[in-house]
Amino acid sequence: MTSNKADQSRGVFVSFEGGEGAGKTTHIRFLAETLEARGFEVVRLREPGGTAIGDKLRSIVLDPGNAAMCDACELLVYEAARAQIVEEVIKPALDCGAVVLCDR
């Protein structure tokens, strides 16, 4: 990645993975602040969620009342949320040259 935003024609996607409480959100914040200070446009996201539809799907997965949800159903809900955020947020941001930081 170049240090000058004007040299960057396509964005960069970085996904932070790890268990709950591992520090993903904290590291994303530090990296975003550093990149923004250097003139980069930064988009911060979380999965599932990040869009109106994705947030509704997230609430389905996190709802304790849905404990009977089978693994395949849960996977498809996650994938539906991902498809939405890719089309609605990630692709447009990358096309504009932004750095997309995703908290998975």
PDB file of N, CA and C in Angstrom:
ATOM      1  N   MET A   1       0.849  -1.170   0.000  1.00  0.00           N
ATOM      2  CA  MET A   1       0.000   0.000   0.000  1.00  0.00           C
ATOM      3  C   MET A   1       0.893   1.230   0.000  1.00  0.00           C
ATOM      4  N   THR A   2       0.540   2.196  -0.788  1.00  0.00           N
ATOM      5  CA  THR A   2       1.323   3.422  -0.849  1.00  0.00           C
ATOM      6  C   THR A   2       0.959   4.328   0.313  1.00  0.00           C
ATOM      7  N   SER A   3       1.822   5.272   0.592  1.00  0.00           N
ATOM      8  CA  SER A   3       1.560   6.191   1.693  1.00  0.00           C
ATOM      9  C   SER A   3       0.835   7.444   1.233  1.00  0.00           C
ATOM     10  N   ASN A   4       0.625   7.581  -0.066  1.00  0.00           N
ATOM     11  CA  ASN A   4      -0.041   8.759  -0.603  1.00  0.00           C
ATOM     12  C   ASN A   4      -1.360   8.345  -1.231  1.00  0.00           C
ATOM     13  N   LYS A   5      -2.459   8.856  -0.698  1.00  0.00           N
ATOM     14  CA  LYS A   5      -3.780   8.467  -1.180  1.00  0.00           C
ATOM     15  C   LYS A   5      -3.938   8.746  -2.663  1.00  0.00           C
ATOM     16  N   ALA A   6      -3.312   9.774  -3.179  1.00  0.00           N
ATOM     17  CA  ALA A   6      -3.436  10.114  -4.590  1.00  0.00           C
ATOM     18  C   ALA A   6      -2.871   9.005  -5.482  1.00  0.00           C
ATOM     19  N   ASP A   7      -1.930   8.217  -4.967  1.00  0.00           N
ATOM     20  CA  ASP A   7      -1.335   7.128  -5.731  1.00  0.00           C
ATOM     21  C   ASP A   7      -2.194   5.866  -5.707  1.00  0.00           C
ATOM     22  N   GLN A   8      -3.182   5.834  -4.868  1.00  0.00           N
ATOM     23  CA  GLN A   8      -3.986   4.632  -4.660  1.00  0.00           C
ATOM     24  C   GLN A   8      -5.217   4.674  -5.564  1.00  0.00           C
ATOM     25  N   SER A   9      -5.294   3.780  -6.536  1.00  0.00           N
ATOM     26  CA  SER A   9      -6.427   3.778  -7.457  1.00  0.00           C
ATOM     27  C   SER A   9      -7.514   2.817  -7.018  1.00  0.00           C
ATOM     28  N   ARG A  10      -7.187   1.812  -6.269  1.00  0.00           N
ATOM     29  CA  ARG A  10      -8.154   0.817  -5.807  1.00  0.00           C
ATOM     30  C   ARG A  10      -7.997   0.673  -4.310  1.00  0.00           C
ATOM     31  N   GLY A  11      -9.095   0.427  -3.646  1.00  0.00           N
ATOM     32  CA  GLY A  11      -9.068   0.310  -2.197  1.00  0.00           C
ATOM     33  C   GLY A  11      -8.428  -0.977  -1.714  1.00  0.00           C
ATOM     34  N   VAL A  12      -8.374  -1.094  -0.396  1.00  0.00           N
ATOM     35  CA  VAL A  12      -7.793  -2.251   0.263  1.00  0.00           C
ATOM     36  C   VAL A  12      -8.804  -2.762   1.284  1.00  0.00           C
ATOM     37  N   PHE A  13      -8.968  -4.091   1.333  1.00  0.00           N
ATOM     38  CA  PHE A  13      -9.880  -4.722   2.281  1.00  0.00           C
ATOM     39  C   PHE A  13      -9.071  -5.516   3.294  1.00  0.00           C
ATOM     40  N   VAL A  14      -9.315  -5.247   4.587  1.00  0.00           N
ATOM     41  CA  VAL A  14      -8.631  -5.969   5.660  1.00  0.00           C
ATOM     42  C   VAL A  14      -9.696  -6.473   6.624  1.00  0.00           C
ATOM     43  N   SER A  15      -9.681  -7.784   6.864  1.00  0.00           N
ATOM     44  CA  SER A  15     -10.632  -8.389   7.796  1.00  0.00           C
ATOM     45  C   SER A  15      -9.896  -8.803   9.060  1.00  0.00           C
ATOM     46  N   PHE A  16     -10.400  -8.386  10.197  1.00  0.00           N
ATOM     47  CA  PHE A  16      -9.832  -8.753  11.492  1.00  0.00           C
ATOM     48  C   PHE A  16     -10.648  -9.909  12.053  1.00  0.00           C
ATOM     49  N   GLU A  17      -9.987 -11.020  12.296  1.00  0.00           N
ATOM     50  CA  GLU A  17     -10.636 -12.226  12.792  1.00  0.00           C
ATOM     51  C   GLU A  17     -10.152 -12.528  14.202  1.00  0.00           C
ATOM     52  N   GLY A  18     -11.011 -13.151  14.977  1.00  0.00           N
ATOM     53  CA  GLY A  18     -10.618 -13.552  16.321  1.00  0.00           C
ATOM     54  C   GLY A  18     -11.833 -13.738  17.197  1.00  0.00           C
ATOM     55  N   GLY A  19     -11.632 -14.371  18.310  1.00  0.00           N
ATOM     56  CA  GLY A  19     -12.712 -14.628  19.251  1.00  0.00           C
ATOM     57  C   GLY A  19     -13.173 -13.360  19.946  1.00  0.00           C
ATOM     58  N   GLU A  20     -14.287 -13.494  20.637  1.00  0.00           N
ATOM     59  CA  GLU A  20     -14.827 -12.358  21.393  1.00  0.00           C
ATOM     60  C   GLU A  20     -13.796 -11.903  22.426  1.00  0.00           C
ATOM     61  N   GLY A  21     -13.589 -10.596  22.506  1.00  0.00           N
ATOM     62  CA  GLY A  21     -12.668 -10.032  23.484  1.00  0.00           C
ATOM     63  C   GLY A  21     -11.202 -10.114  23.097  1.00  0.00           C
ATOM     64  N   ALA A  22     -10.915 -10.506  21.845  1.00  0.00           N
ATOM     65  CA  ALA A  22      -9.527 -10.655  21.411  1.00  0.00           C
ATOM     66  C   ALA A  22      -8.858  -9.315  21.083  1.00  0.00           C
ATOM     67  N   GLY A  23      -9.653  -8.255  20.942  1.00  0.00           N
ATOM     68  CA  GLY A  23      -9.087  -6.941  20.663  1.00  0.00           C
ATOM     69  C   GLY A  23      -9.238  -6.474  19.225  1.00  0.00           C
ATOM     70  N   LYS A  24     -10.100  -7.135  18.464  1.00  0.00           N
ATOM     71  CA  LYS A  24     -10.287  -6.754  17.060  1.00  0.00           C
ATOM     72  C   LYS A  24     -10.715  -5.299  16.919  1.00  0.00           C
ATOM     73  N   THR A  25     -11.724  -4.904  17.657  1.00  0.00           N
ATOM     74  CA  THR A  25     -12.261  -3.544  17.563  1.00  0.00           C
ATOM     75  C   THR A  25     -11.208  -2.511  17.958  1.00  0.00           C
ATOM     76  N   THR A  26     -10.442  -2.803  18.979  1.00  0.00           N
ATOM     77  CA  THR A  26      -9.381  -1.892  19.430  1.00  0.00           C
ATOM     78  C   THR A  26      -8.312  -1.736  18.361  1.00  0.00           C
ATOM     79  N   HIS A  27      -7.884  -2.842  17.752  1.00  0.00           N
ATOM     80  CA  HIS A  27      -6.866  -2.765  16.700  1.00  0.00           C
ATOM     81  C   HIS A  27      -7.392  -2.040  15.469  1.00  0.00           C
ATOM     82  N   ILE A  28      -8.646  -2.267  15.146  1.00  0.00           N
ATOM     83  CA  ILE A  28      -9.238  -1.557  14.010  1.00  0.00           C
ATOM     84  C   ILE A  28      -9.236  -0.055  14.278  1.00  0.00           C
ATOM     85  N   ARG A  29      -9.595   0.341  15.473  1.00  0.00           N
ATOM     86  CA  ARG A  29      -9.609   1.764  15.821  1.00  0.00           C
ATOM     87  C   ARG A  29      -8.224   2.377  15.674  1.00  0.00           C
ATOM     88  N   PHE A  30      -7.207   1.702  16.203  1.00  0.00           N
ATOM     89  CA  PHE A  30      -5.830   2.217  16.100  1.00  0.00           C
ATOM     90  C   PHE A  30      -5.386   2.329  14.640  1.00  0.00           C
ATOM     91  N   LEU A  31      -5.639   1.301  13.858  1.00  0.00           N
ATOM     92  CA  LEU A  31      -5.228   1.328  12.458  1.00  0.00           C
ATOM     93  C   LEU A  31      -5.991   2.404  11.694  1.00  0.00           C
ATOM     94  N   ALA A  32      -7.294   2.517  11.939  1.00  0.00           N
ATOM     95  CA  ALA A  32      -8.101   3.532  11.256  1.00  0.00           C
ATOM     96  C   ALA A  32      -7.588   4.931  11.577  1.00  0.00           C
ATOM     97  N   GLU A  33      -7.295   5.200  12.832  1.00  0.00           N
ATOM     98  CA  GLU A  33      -6.791   6.515  13.221  1.00  0.00           C
ATOM     99  C   GLU A  33      -5.455   6.820  12.542  1.00  0.00           C
ATOM    100  N   THR A  34      -4.587   5.832  12.461  1.00  0.00           N
ATOM    101  CA  THR A  34      -3.282   6.016  11.816  1.00  0.00           C
ATOM    102  C   THR A  34      -3.443   6.291  10.325  1.00  0.00           C
ATOM    103  N   LEU A  35      -4.281   5.499   9.665  1.00  0.00           N
ATOM    104  CA  LEU A  35      -4.494   5.681   8.225  1.00  0.00           C
ATOM    105  C   LEU A  35      -5.172   7.017   7.919  1.00  0.00           C
ATOM    106  N   GLU A  36      -6.164   7.383   8.719  1.00  0.00           N
ATOM    107  CA  GLU A  36      -6.853   8.663   8.511  1.00  0.00           C
ATOM    108  C   GLU A  36      -5.903   9.836   8.698  1.00  0.00           C
ATOM    109  N   ALA A  37      -4.998   9.722   9.676  1.00  0.00           N
ATOM    110  CA  ALA A  37      -4.013  10.781   9.903  1.00  0.00           C
ATOM    111  C   ALA A  37      -3.069  10.940   8.712  1.00  0.00           C
ATOM    112  N   ARG A  38      -2.955   9.886   7.917  1.00  0.00           N
ATOM    113  CA  ARG A  38      -2.091   9.924   6.722  1.00  0.00           C
ATOM    114  C   ARG A  38      -2.889  10.217   5.450  1.00  0.00           C
ATOM    115  N   GLY A  39      -4.150  10.584   5.614  1.00  0.00           N
ATOM    116  CA  GLY A  39      -4.942  11.025   4.476  1.00  0.00           C
ATOM    117  C   GLY A  39      -5.768   9.970   3.770  1.00  0.00           C
ATOM    118  N   PHE A  40      -5.820   8.766   4.306  1.00  0.00           N
ATOM    119  CA  PHE A  40      -6.621   7.717   3.682  1.00  0.00           C
ATOM    120  C   PHE A  40      -8.081   7.815   4.122  1.00  0.00           C
ATOM    121  N   GLU A  41      -8.965   7.505   3.209  1.00  0.00           N
ATOM    122  CA  GLU A  41     -10.374   7.343   3.570  1.00  0.00           C
ATOM    123  C   GLU A  41     -10.510   5.938   4.134  1.00  0.00           C
ATOM    124  N   VAL A  42     -11.115   5.828   5.309  1.00  0.00           N
ATOM    125  CA  VAL A  42     -11.253   4.533   5.980  1.00  0.00           C
ATOM    126  C   VAL A  42     -12.729   4.274   6.250  1.00  0.00           C
ATOM    127  N   VAL A  43     -13.151   3.055   5.931  1.00  0.00           N
ATOM    128  CA  VAL A  43     -14.508   2.614   6.226  1.00  0.00           C
ATOM    129  C   VAL A  43     -14.392   1.466   7.210  1.00  0.00           C
ATOM    130  N   ARG A  44     -15.054   1.598   8.367  1.00  0.00           N
ATOM    131  CA  ARG A  44     -15.037   0.554   9.392  1.00  0.00           C
ATOM    132  C   ARG A  44     -16.375  -0.170   9.381  1.00  0.00           C
ATOM    133  N   LEU A  45     -16.316  -1.504   9.397  1.00  0.00           N
ATOM    134  CA  LEU A  45     -17.521  -2.328   9.346  1.00  0.00           C
ATOM    135  C   LEU A  45     -17.471  -3.433  10.382  1.00  0.00           C
ATOM    136  N   ARG A  46     -18.633  -4.012  10.634  1.00  0.00           N
ATOM    137  CA  ARG A  46     -18.683  -5.210  11.463  1.00  0.00           C
ATOM    138  C   ARG A  46     -19.583  -6.214  10.759  1.00  0.00           C
ATOM    139  N   GLU A  47     -19.291  -7.493  10.983  1.00  0.00           N
ATOM    140  CA  GLU A  47     -20.103  -8.556  10.412  1.00  0.00           C
ATOM    141  C   GLU A  47     -20.552  -9.492  11.518  1.00  0.00           C
ATOM    142  N   PRO A  48     -21.738 -10.023  11.448  1.00  0.00           N
ATOM    143  CA  PRO A  48     -22.772  -9.589  10.508  1.00  0.00           C
ATOM    144  C   PRO A  48     -23.295  -8.221  10.898  1.00  0.00           C
ATOM    145  N   GLY A  49     -23.842  -7.522   9.959  1.00  0.00           N
ATOM    146  CA  GLY A  49     -24.384  -6.182  10.174  1.00  0.00           C
ATOM    147  C   GLY A  49     -23.791  -5.217   9.179  1.00  0.00           C
ATOM    148  N   GLY A  50     -23.758  -3.952   9.533  1.00  0.00           N
ATOM    149  CA  GLY A  50     -23.154  -2.953   8.679  1.00  0.00           C
ATOM    150  C   GLY A  50     -24.076  -2.328   7.654  1.00  0.00           C
ATOM    151  N   THR A  51     -25.276  -2.876   7.522  1.00  0.00           N
ATOM    152  CA  THR A  51     -26.312  -2.312   6.658  1.00  0.00           C
ATOM    153  C   THR A  51     -27.635  -2.477   7.391  1.00  0.00           C
ATOM    154  N   ALA A  52     -28.675  -1.816   6.922  1.00  0.00           N
ATOM    155  CA  ALA A  52     -29.986  -1.955   7.573  1.00  0.00           C
ATOM    156  C   ALA A  52     -30.445  -3.414   7.539  1.00  0.00           C
ATOM    157  N   ILE A  53     -30.301  -4.059   6.389  1.00  0.00           N
ATOM    158  CA  ILE A  53     -30.705  -5.461   6.271  1.00  0.00           C
ATOM    159  C   ILE A  53     -29.783  -6.347   7.106  1.00  0.00           C
ATOM    160  N   GLY A  54     -28.478  -6.098   7.030  1.00  0.00           N
ATOM    161  CA  GLY A  54     -27.516  -6.882   7.794  1.00  0.00           C
ATOM    162  C   GLY A  54     -27.736  -6.791   9.295  1.00  0.00           C
ATOM    163  N   ASP A  55     -28.125  -5.603   9.777  1.00  0.00           N
ATOM    164  CA  ASP A  55     -28.393  -5.457  11.210  1.00  0.00           C
ATOM    165  C   ASP A  55     -29.618  -6.262  11.630  1.00  0.00           C
ATOM    166  N   LYS A  56     -30.609  -6.336  10.764  1.00  0.00           N
ATOM    167  CA  LYS A  56     -31.791  -7.169  11.063  1.00  0.00           C
ATOM    168  C   LYS A  56     -31.411  -8.648  11.087  1.00  0.00           C
ATOM    169  N   LEU A  57     -30.589  -9.050  10.133  1.00  0.00           N
ATOM    170  CA  LEU A  57     -30.125 -10.446  10.109  1.00  0.00           C
ATOM    171  C   LEU A  57     -29.266 -10.747  11.340  1.00  0.00           C
ATOM    172  N   ARG A  58     -28.446  -9.793  11.758  1.00  0.00           N
ATOM    173  CA  ARG A  58     -27.624  -9.958  12.964  1.00  0.00           C
ATOM    174  C   ARG A  58     -28.509 -10.206  14.177  1.00  0.00           C
ATOM    175  N   SER A  59     -29.601  -9.450  14.271  1.00  0.00           N
ATOM    176  CA  SER A  59     -30.490  -9.615  15.426  1.00  0.00           C
ATOM    177  C   SER A  59     -31.131 -11.000  15.441  1.00  0.00           C
ATOM    178  N   ILE A  60     -31.354 -11.578  14.275  1.00  0.00           N
ATOM    179  CA  ILE A  60     -31.900 -12.935  14.211  1.00  0.00           C
ATOM    180  C   ILE A  60     -30.894 -13.937  14.776  1.00  0.00           C
ATOM    181  N   VAL A  61     -29.638 -13.815  14.363  1.00  0.00           N
ATOM    182  CA  VAL A  61     -28.593 -14.740  14.819  1.00  0.00           C
ATOM    183  C   VAL A  61     -28.351 -14.602  16.316  1.00  0.00           C
ATOM    184  N   LEU A  62     -28.392 -13.377  16.834  1.00  0.00           N
ATOM    185  CA  LEU A  62     -28.080 -13.145  18.247  1.00  0.00           C
ATOM    186  C   LEU A  62     -29.268 -13.336  19.186  1.00  0.00           C
ATOM    187  N   ASP A  63     -30.460 -13.488  18.656  1.00  0.00           N
ATOM    188  CA  ASP A  63     -31.668 -13.634  19.475  1.00  0.00           C
ATOM    189  C   ASP A  63     -31.678 -14.999  20.162  1.00  0.00           C
ATOM    190  N   PRO A  64     -31.639 -15.021  21.510  1.00  0.00           N
ATOM    191  CA  PRO A  64     -31.657 -16.299  22.233  1.00  0.00           C
ATOM    192  C   PRO A  64     -32.918 -17.121  21.939  1.00  0.00           C
ATOM    193  N   GLY A  65     -33.970 -16.464  21.483  1.00  0.00           N
ATOM    194  CA  GLY A  65     -35.200 -17.171  21.135  1.00  0.00           C
ATOM    195  C   GLY A  65     -35.052 -18.027  19.887  1.00  0.00           C
ATOM    196  N   ASN A  66     -33.937 -17.854  19.178  1.00  0.00           N
ATOM    197  CA  ASN A  66     -33.694 -18.646  17.974  1.00  0.00           C
ATOM    198  C   ASN A  66     -32.670 -19.752  18.213  1.00  0.00           C
ATOM    199  N   ALA A  67     -32.605 -20.242  19.440  1.00  0.00           N
ATOM    200  CA  ALA A  67     -31.616 -21.264  19.796  1.00  0.00           C
ATOM    201  C   ALA A  67     -31.785 -22.548  18.990  1.00  0.00           C
ATOM    202  N   ALA A  68     -32.973 -22.794  18.461  1.00  0.00           N
ATOM    203  CA  ALA A  68     -33.212 -24.012  17.684  1.00  0.00           C
ATOM    204  C   ALA A  68     -32.722 -23.895  16.246  1.00  0.00           C
ATOM    205  N   MET A  69     -32.193 -22.736  15.873  1.00  0.00           N
ATOM    206  CA  MET A  69     -31.712 -22.543  14.512  1.00  0.00           C
ATOM    207  C   MET A  69     -30.617 -23.561  14.210  1.00  0.00           C
ATOM    208  N   CYS A  70     -30.769 -24.302  13.120  1.00  0.00           N
ATOM    209  CA  CYS A  70     -29.757 -25.295  12.762  1.00  0.00           C
ATOM    210  C   CYS A  70     -28.528 -24.592  12.175  1.00  0.00           C
ATOM    211  N   ASP A  71     -27.423 -25.313  12.145  1.00  0.00           N
ATOM    212  CA  ASP A  71     -26.160 -24.740  11.667  1.00  0.00           C
ATOM    213  C   ASP A  71     -26.259 -24.216  10.237  1.00  0.00           C
ATOM    214  N   ALA A  72     -26.927 -24.977   9.366  1.00  0.00           N
ATOM    215  CA  ALA A  72     -27.050 -24.551   7.971  1.00  0.00           C
ATOM    216  C   ALA A  72     -27.833 -23.251   7.863  1.00  0.00           C
ATOM    217  N   CYS A  73     -28.885 -23.120   8.645  1.00  0.00           N
ATOM    218  CA  CYS A  73     -29.683 -21.888   8.637  1.00  0.00           C
ATOM    219  C   CYS A  73     -28.846 -20.712   9.123  1.00  0.00           C
ATOM    220  N   GLU A  74     -28.111 -20.898  10.210  1.00  0.00           N
ATOM    221  CA  GLU A  74     -27.261 -19.825  10.735  1.00  0.00           C
ATOM    222  C   GLU A  74     -26.212 -19.402   9.708  1.00  0.00           C
ATOM    223  N   LEU A  75     -25.608 -20.369   9.049  1.00  0.00           N
ATOM    224  CA  LEU A  75     -24.625 -20.071   8.012  1.00  0.00           C
ATOM    225  C   LEU A  75     -25.247 -19.230   6.895  1.00  0.00           C
ATOM    226  N   LEU A  76     -26.437 -19.595   6.459  1.00  0.00           N
ATOM    227  CA  LEU A  76     -27.089 -18.872   5.375  1.00  0.00           C
ATOM    228  C   LEU A  76     -27.473 -17.454   5.793  1.00  0.00           C
ATOM    229  N   VAL A  77     -27.840 -17.262   7.044  1.00  0.00           N
ATOM    230  CA  VAL A  77     -28.139 -15.911   7.537  1.00  0.00           C
ATOM    231  C   VAL A  77     -26.872 -15.066   7.503  1.00  0.00           C
ATOM    232  N   TYR A  78     -25.751 -15.630   7.968  1.00  0.00           N
ATOM    233  CA  TYR A  78     -24.467 -14.918   7.911  1.00  0.00           C
ATOM    234  C   TYR A  78     -24.099 -14.578   6.472  1.00  0.00           C
ATOM    235  N   GLU A  79     -24.267 -15.532   5.572  1.00  0.00           N
ATOM    236  CA  GLU A  79     -23.914 -15.305   4.168  1.00  0.00           C
ATOM    237  C   GLU A  79     -24.828 -14.270   3.516  1.00  0.00           C
ATOM    238  N   ALA A  80     -26.092 -14.245   3.905  1.00  0.00           N
ATOM    239  CA  ALA A  80     -27.013 -13.228   3.382  1.00  0.00           C
ATOM    240  C   ALA A  80     -26.563 -11.840   3.836  1.00  0.00           C
ATOM    241  N   ALA A  81     -26.196 -11.713   5.099  1.00  0.00           N
ATOM    242  CA  ALA A  81     -25.711 -10.431   5.613  1.00  0.00           C
ATOM    243  C   ALA A  81     -24.430 -10.023   4.890  1.00  0.00           C
ATOM    244  N   ARG A  82     -23.552 -10.997   4.628  1.00  0.00           N
ATOM    245  CA  ARG A  82     -22.295 -10.693   3.927  1.00  0.00           C
ATOM    246  C   ARG A  82     -22.567 -10.243   2.490  1.00  0.00           C
ATOM    247  N   ALA A  83     -23.460 -10.920   1.795  1.00  0.00           N
ATOM    248  CA  ALA A  83     -23.779 -10.533   0.415  1.00  0.00           C
ATOM    249  C   ALA A  83     -24.277  -9.091   0.362  1.00  0.00           C
ATOM    250  N   GLN A  84     -25.091  -8.716   1.335  1.00  0.00           N
ATOM    251  CA  GLN A  84     -25.643  -7.363   1.360  1.00  0.00           C
ATOM    252  C   GLN A  84     -24.567  -6.314   1.604  1.00  0.00           C
ATOM    253  N   ILE A  85     -23.692  -6.577   2.565  1.00  0.00           N
ATOM    254  CA  ILE A  85     -22.657  -5.588   2.890  1.00  0.00           C
ATOM    255  C   ILE A  85     -21.627  -5.467   1.769  1.00  0.00           C
ATOM    256  N   VAL A  86     -21.359  -6.562   1.075  1.00  0.00           N
ATOM    257  CA  VAL A  86     -20.424  -6.503  -0.054  1.00  0.00           C
ATOM    258  C   VAL A  86     -20.990  -5.599  -1.140  1.00  0.00           C
ATOM    259  N   GLU A  87     -22.246  -5.807  -1.512  1.00  0.00           N
ATOM    260  CA  GLU A  87     -22.852  -5.019  -2.588  1.00  0.00           C
ATOM    261  C   GLU A  87     -23.108  -3.569  -2.200  1.00  0.00           C
ATOM    262  N   GLU A  88     -23.573  -3.375  -0.967  1.00  0.00           N
ATOM    263  CA  GLU A  88     -24.011  -2.042  -0.542  1.00  0.00           C
ATOM    264  C   GLU A  88     -22.880  -1.155  -0.044  1.00  0.00           C
ATOM    265  N   VAL A  89     -21.846  -1.756   0.557  1.00  0.00           N
ATOM    266  CA  VAL A  89     -20.817  -0.943   1.219  1.00  0.00           C
ATOM    267  C   VAL A  89     -19.400  -1.244   0.728  1.00  0.00           C
ATOM    268  N   ILE A  90     -19.005  -2.514   0.735  1.00  0.00           N
ATOM    269  CA  ILE A  90     -17.606  -2.852   0.481  1.00  0.00           C
ATOM    270  C   ILE A  90     -17.190  -2.545  -0.955  1.00  0.00           C
ATOM    271  N   LYS A  91     -17.925  -3.041  -1.941  1.00  0.00           N
ATOM    272  CA  LYS A  91     -17.547  -2.781  -3.341  1.00  0.00           C
ATOM    273  C   LYS A  91     -17.485  -1.292  -3.647  1.00  0.00           C
ATOM    274  N   PRO A  92     -18.509  -0.511  -3.290  1.00  0.00           N
ATOM    275  CA  PRO A  92     -18.424   0.932  -3.580  1.00  0.00           C
ATOM    276  C   PRO A  92     -17.238   1.612  -2.895  1.00  0.00           C
ATOM    277  N   ALA A  93     -16.945   1.219  -1.656  1.00  0.00           N
ATOM    278  CA  ALA A  93     -15.819   1.826  -0.937  1.00  0.00           C
ATOM    279  C   ALA A  93     -14.498   1.485  -1.613  1.00  0.00           C
ATOM    280  N   LEU A  94     -14.326   0.232  -2.011  1.00  0.00           N
ATOM    281  CA  LEU A  94     -13.092  -0.169  -2.684  1.00  0.00           C
ATOM    282  C   LEU A  94     -12.955   0.531  -4.032  1.00  0.00           C
ATOM    283  N   ASP A  95     -14.059   0.671  -4.737  1.00  0.00           N
ATOM    284  CA  ASP A  95     -14.032   1.359  -6.029  1.00  0.00           C
ATOM    285  C   ASP A  95     -13.618   2.824  -5.889  1.00  0.00           C
ATOM    286  N   CYS A  96     -13.886   3.402  -4.723  1.00  0.00           N
ATOM    287  CA  CYS A  96     -13.503   4.799  -4.466  1.00  0.00           C
ATOM    288  C   CYS A  96     -12.098   4.928  -3.884  1.00  0.00           C
ATOM    289  N   GLY A  97     -11.418   3.802  -3.686  1.00  0.00           N
ATOM    290  CA  GLY A  97     -10.055   3.833  -3.164  1.00  0.00           C
ATOM    291  C   GLY A  97      -9.941   3.836  -1.666  1.00  0.00           C
ATOM    292  N   ALA A  98     -11.025   3.535  -0.954  1.00  0.00           N
ATOM    293  CA  ALA A  98     -10.982   3.535   0.511  1.00  0.00           C
ATOM    294  C   ALA A  98     -10.305   2.280   1.058  1.00  0.00           C
ATOM    295  N   VAL A  99      -9.877   2.387   2.297  1.00  0.00           N
ATOM    296  CA  VAL A  99      -9.399   1.246   3.044  1.00  0.00           C
ATOM    297  C   VAL A  99     -10.578   0.759   3.873  1.00  0.00           C
ATOM    298  N   VAL A 100     -10.969  -0.491   3.675  1.00  0.00           N
ATOM    299  CA  VAL A 100     -12.118  -1.059   4.382  1.00  0.00           C
ATOM    300  C   VAL A 100     -11.584  -1.995   5.469  1.00  0.00           C
ATOM    301  N   LEU A 101     -11.922  -1.687   6.719  1.00  0.00           N
ATOM    302  CA  LEU A 101     -11.510  -2.492   7.861  1.00  0.00           C
ATOM    303  C   LEU A 101     -12.751  -3.178   8.410  1.00  0.00           C
ATOM    304  N   CYS A 102     -12.728  -4.501   8.408  1.00  0.00           N
ATOM    305  CA  CYS A 102     -13.913  -5.256   8.806  1.00  0.00           C
ATOM    306  C   CYS A 102     -13.667  -6.015  10.095  1.00  0.00           C
ATOM    307  N   ASP A 103     -14.540  -5.817  11.043  1.00  0.00           N
ATOM    308  CA  ASP A 103     -14.514  -6.505  12.336  1.00  0.00           C
ATOM    309  C   ASP A 103     -15.398  -7.728  12.218  1.00  0.00           C
ATOM    310  N   ARG A 104     -14.772  -8.845  12.027  1.00  0.00           N
ATOM    311  CA  ARG A 104     -15.557 -10.066  11.963  1.00  0.00           C
ATOM    312  C   ARG A 104     -15.558 -10.668  13.356  1.00  0.00           C
TER     313      ARG A 104
END
